[in-house]
């Protein structure tokens, strides 16, 4: 059940909401989809009411689960390179929100890859957290799960087609604006090689959009 929040300021309201997310144990104690989470939940996200940029990722990986900080792995290094952001700017909670589809590491599948994000998390918390970020201007939707949730019926043809249509999606009337990206995992090296337009055309535009959202001192 989603809790109701009515405090004296947006900052306090969000602080209370994030505390509730971090205390959530639904995927372990009352799972709605499949078996329980196979380890102690540790929600990993960052958000402040002042943030203008949101990184909508999939779920924390094992290293983020261990550190309690999002993208503390090679994927994070590549993502920061894509965005043109320093590590300090990337983790500046006042400017950058990182809100994954599921806030806890979902565990590994039989091939040692990460399992899909737990669906319970988005159902309970995603809309309340996003609504508590009133200053968002741009949401970067990373990977198929985030794209399917944020784009809805526009997520046609899968991830590659969505990312190919980035200009159309970015220029649409939705607010905050949305820009689709592949996941920065090394597992997508082949995809990046097969789609050279991503680095040649999308990344320069992405960096301009990010700088416009977080400010020129973030590089």
Protein backbone atom coordinates (compact mmCIF):
# COMPACT_ATOMS: atom_id res chain seq x y z
CA UNK A 1 0.00 0.00 0.00
CA UNK A 2 1.33 3.45 -0.93
CA UNK A 3 1.55 5.75 2.05
CA UNK A 4 0.10 9.26 2.16
CA UNK A 5 2.44 12.18 2.85
CA UNK A 6 1.35 15.60 4.02
CA UNK A 7 4.15 17.55 5.68
CA UNK A 8 5.15 21.19 5.87
CA UNK A 9 7.34 21.42 2.73
CA UNK A 10 8.15 19.50 -0.49
CA UNK A 11 11.63 18.75 0.89
CA UNK A 12 10.25 17.21 4.08
CA UNK A 13 7.60 15.35 2.11
CA UNK A 14 10.23 13.79 -0.17
CA UNK A 15 12.51 12.99 2.77
CA UNK A 16 9.68 11.10 4.46
CA UNK A 17 8.82 9.28 1.23
CA UNK A 18 12.41 8.21 0.61
CA UNK A 19 12.66 6.94 4.17
CA UNK A 20 9.61 4.77 3.49
CA UNK A 21 11.13 3.45 0.25
CA UNK A 22 14.37 2.58 2.04
CA UNK A 23 12.45 0.75 4.75
CA UNK A 24 10.35 -1.23 2.26
CA UNK A 25 10.58 -5.03 2.46
CA UNK A 26 7.62 -6.00 0.26
CA UNK A 27 9.65 -7.92 -2.34
CA UNK A 28 11.11 -10.11 0.41
CA UNK A 29 8.24 -10.40 2.90
CA UNK A 30 5.13 -10.12 0.70
CA UNK A 31 6.19 -10.77 -2.91
CA UNK A 32 3.50 -10.31 -5.53
CA UNK A 33 5.42 -11.76 -8.48
CA UNK A 34 7.36 -14.97 -8.03
CA UNK A 35 9.44 -15.91 -5.04
CA UNK A 36 10.82 -13.55 -2.42
CA UNK A 37 13.94 -11.50 -2.92
CA UNK A 38 16.80 -13.91 -2.07
CA UNK A 39 18.70 -11.46 0.14
CA UNK A 40 18.14 -8.58 2.54
CA UNK A 41 16.64 -5.62 0.63
CA UNK A 42 18.77 -2.52 0.35
CA UNK A 43 17.01 0.17 -1.70
CA UNK A 44 19.50 2.35 -3.56
CA UNK A 45 18.36 5.67 -5.04
CA UNK A 46 19.00 9.38 -4.73
CA UNK A 47 16.59 12.29 -5.07
CA UNK A 48 15.99 15.87 -3.97
CA UNK A 49 13.06 18.15 -4.74
CA UNK A 50 15.45 20.57 -6.47
CA UNK A 51 16.72 18.03 -9.05
CA UNK A 52 16.09 18.93 -12.68
CA UNK A 53 17.61 15.78 -14.22
CA UNK A 54 16.43 12.23 -13.44
CA UNK A 55 18.23 9.05 -14.41
CA UNK A 56 15.55 6.36 -14.68
CA UNK A 57 17.58 3.17 -14.57
CA UNK A 58 16.64 -0.49 -14.16
CA UNK A 59 17.80 -1.75 -10.75
CA UNK A 60 21.00 -1.54 -8.70
CA UNK A 61 23.66 -4.07 -9.54
CA UNK A 62 25.53 -6.18 -7.01
CA UNK A 63 28.22 -3.54 -6.45
CA UNK A 64 25.66 -0.79 -5.90
CA UNK A 65 23.87 -3.12 -3.47
CA UNK A 66 27.13 -3.56 -1.56
CA UNK A 67 28.05 0.15 -1.53
CA UNK A 68 24.57 1.63 -1.11
CA UNK A 69 25.36 4.09 -3.92
CA UNK A 70 23.95 3.84 -7.46
CA UNK A 71 26.17 3.02 -10.43
CA UNK A 72 29.33 2.22 -8.46
CA UNK A 73 30.60 -0.06 -11.22
CA UNK A 74 31.95 0.05 -14.77
CA UNK A 75 28.45 0.84 -16.07
CA UNK A 76 28.52 3.99 -13.97
CA UNK A 77 31.88 5.01 -15.42
CA UNK A 78 30.54 4.64 -18.95
CA UNK A 79 27.27 6.40 -18.12
CA UNK A 80 29.08 9.41 -16.66
CA UNK A 81 31.19 9.53 -19.82
CA UNK A 82 28.05 9.49 -21.96
CA UNK A 83 26.54 12.31 -19.93
CA UNK A 84 29.71 14.39 -19.75
CA UNK A 85 29.41 14.58 -15.96
CA UNK A 86 32.10 14.36 -13.33
CA UNK A 87 31.60 11.91 -10.49
CA UNK A 88 30.91 14.78 -8.08
CA UNK A 89 28.23 16.22 -10.36
CA UNK A 90 26.66 12.81 -11.00
CA UNK A 91 26.21 12.24 -7.26
CA UNK A 92 25.06 15.80 -6.53
CA UNK A 93 21.63 14.91 -5.19
CA UNK A 94 20.47 18.53 -5.43
CA UNK A 95 20.80 18.39 -9.21
CA UNK A 96 20.61 14.73 -10.27
CA UNK A 97 17.97 12.23 -9.17
CA UNK A 98 18.63 8.52 -9.76
CA UNK A 99 15.37 6.60 -9.53
CA UNK A 100 15.55 2.99 -10.79
CA UNK A 101 12.55 0.91 -11.80
CA UNK A 102 13.27 -1.22 -8.74
CA UNK A 103 15.35 0.12 -5.87
CA UNK A 104 16.88 -3.19 -4.75
CA UNK A 105 19.36 -5.50 -6.45
CA UNK A 106 17.11 -8.29 -7.85
CA UNK A 107 19.69 -11.09 -7.68
CA UNK A 108 21.30 -13.17 -10.41
CA UNK A 109 19.82 -15.57 -12.93
CA UNK A 110 21.32 -18.96 -13.82
CA UNK A 111 23.81 -17.32 -16.18
CA UNK A 112 25.00 -14.85 -13.51
CA UNK A 113 23.24 -11.95 -15.21
CA UNK A 114 21.02 -9.62 -13.21
CA UNK A 115 17.38 -10.62 -12.93
CA UNK A 116 14.71 -8.14 -14.13
CA UNK A 117 13.70 -5.36 -11.73
CA UNK A 118 11.13 -6.43 -9.15
CA UNK A 119 7.71 -5.28 -10.35
CA UNK A 120 6.42 -4.63 -6.84
CA UNK A 121 8.73 -1.66 -6.43
CA UNK A 122 7.49 0.36 -9.41
CA UNK A 123 3.86 -0.35 -8.52
CA UNK A 124 4.31 0.92 -4.99
CA UNK A 125 6.80 3.73 -5.21
CA UNK A 126 7.61 4.98 -8.70
CA UNK A 127 4.78 7.43 -9.23
CA UNK A 128 4.92 8.87 -5.69
CA UNK A 129 8.67 9.51 -5.98
CA UNK A 130 8.42 11.13 -9.42
CA UNK A 131 5.51 13.31 -8.31
CA UNK A 132 7.66 14.48 -5.39
CA UNK A 133 10.26 15.86 -7.86
CA UNK A 134 8.45 18.98 -9.13
CA UNK A 135 11.46 20.58 -10.85
CA UNK A 136 12.36 17.75 -13.21
CA UNK A 137 13.02 18.90 -16.76
CA UNK A 138 14.54 15.77 -18.32
CA UNK A 139 14.29 12.05 -17.59
CA UNK A 140 16.87 9.71 -19.12
CA UNK A 141 15.17 6.33 -19.49
CA UNK A 142 17.84 3.64 -19.51
CA UNK A 143 17.05 0.14 -20.73
CA UNK A 144 13.88 -1.59 -21.84
CA UNK A 145 12.09 -1.70 -18.49
CA UNK A 146 12.35 2.03 -17.88
CA UNK A 147 11.46 2.78 -21.50
CA UNK A 148 8.37 0.56 -21.44
CA UNK A 149 7.13 2.25 -18.24
CA UNK A 150 7.81 5.85 -19.27
CA UNK A 151 6.91 5.59 -22.97
CA UNK A 152 3.91 3.29 -22.72
CA UNK A 153 2.42 2.76 -26.17
CA UNK A 154 5.33 4.63 -27.76
CA UNK A 155 7.64 1.79 -26.78
CA UNK A 156 6.95 0.00 -30.02
CA UNK A 157 9.48 -2.20 -31.72
CA UNK A 158 11.65 -2.60 -28.63
CA UNK A 159 14.65 -0.75 -27.26
CA UNK A 160 16.58 -0.22 -30.49
CA UNK A 161 13.64 1.39 -32.23
CA UNK A 162 12.89 3.57 -29.20
CA UNK A 163 16.47 4.82 -29.04
CA UNK A 164 16.50 5.39 -32.81
CA UNK A 165 13.45 7.64 -32.36
CA UNK A 166 15.14 9.72 -29.66
CA UNK A 167 14.62 13.01 -31.52
CA UNK A 168 10.89 12.42 -31.88
CA UNK A 169 10.53 11.29 -28.26
CA UNK A 170 12.57 14.19 -26.90
CA UNK A 171 10.57 16.71 -28.94
CA UNK A 172 7.15 15.41 -27.85
CA UNK A 173 4.85 17.48 -25.65
CA UNK A 174 5.30 15.35 -22.51
CA UNK A 175 6.75 17.03 -19.45
CA UNK A 176 9.28 16.33 -18.10
CA UNK A 177 10.89 15.53 -21.42
CA UNK A 178 12.16 11.98 -21.92
CA UNK A 179 15.26 10.72 -23.72
CA UNK A 180 15.76 6.94 -24.21
CA UNK A 181 19.19 5.32 -23.84
CA UNK A 182 20.56 1.77 -23.88
CA UNK A 183 22.01 0.43 -20.67
CA UNK A 184 25.71 1.34 -20.31
CA UNK A 185 26.64 -2.24 -19.36
CA UNK A 186 29.56 -3.91 -21.15
CA UNK A 187 26.97 -6.47 -22.29
CA UNK A 188 25.78 -3.82 -24.77
CA UNK A 189 29.18 -3.34 -26.44
CA UNK A 190 27.91 -5.26 -29.48
CA UNK A 191 24.80 -3.09 -29.69
CA UNK A 192 26.92 0.08 -29.61
CA UNK A 193 29.15 -1.25 -32.41
CA UNK A 194 26.14 -2.13 -34.54
CA UNK A 195 24.56 1.29 -34.06
CA UNK A 196 27.30 3.88 -34.70
CA UNK A 197 24.70 6.68 -34.90
CA UNK A 198 24.32 6.37 -31.13
CA UNK A 199 27.78 7.76 -30.41
CA UNK A 200 27.94 10.02 -33.47
CA UNK A 201 24.51 11.67 -33.16
CA UNK A 202 22.78 10.94 -29.87
CA UNK A 203 25.65 11.37 -27.39
CA UNK A 204 26.56 14.94 -28.40
CA UNK A 205 22.90 15.95 -28.09
CA UNK A 206 22.63 14.09 -24.78
CA UNK A 207 25.56 16.01 -23.29
CA UNK A 208 24.04 19.33 -24.35
CA UNK A 209 20.72 18.40 -22.76
CA UNK A 210 22.38 17.25 -19.54
CA UNK A 211 24.43 20.43 -19.24
CA UNK A 212 21.32 22.53 -19.80
CA UNK A 213 19.58 20.66 -16.97
CA UNK A 214 22.32 20.49 -14.34
CA UNK A 215 24.33 23.62 -15.14
CA UNK A 216 27.68 24.40 -16.73
CA UNK A 217 29.73 23.69 -13.59
CA UNK A 218 28.78 20.00 -13.64
CA UNK A 219 31.25 18.91 -16.31
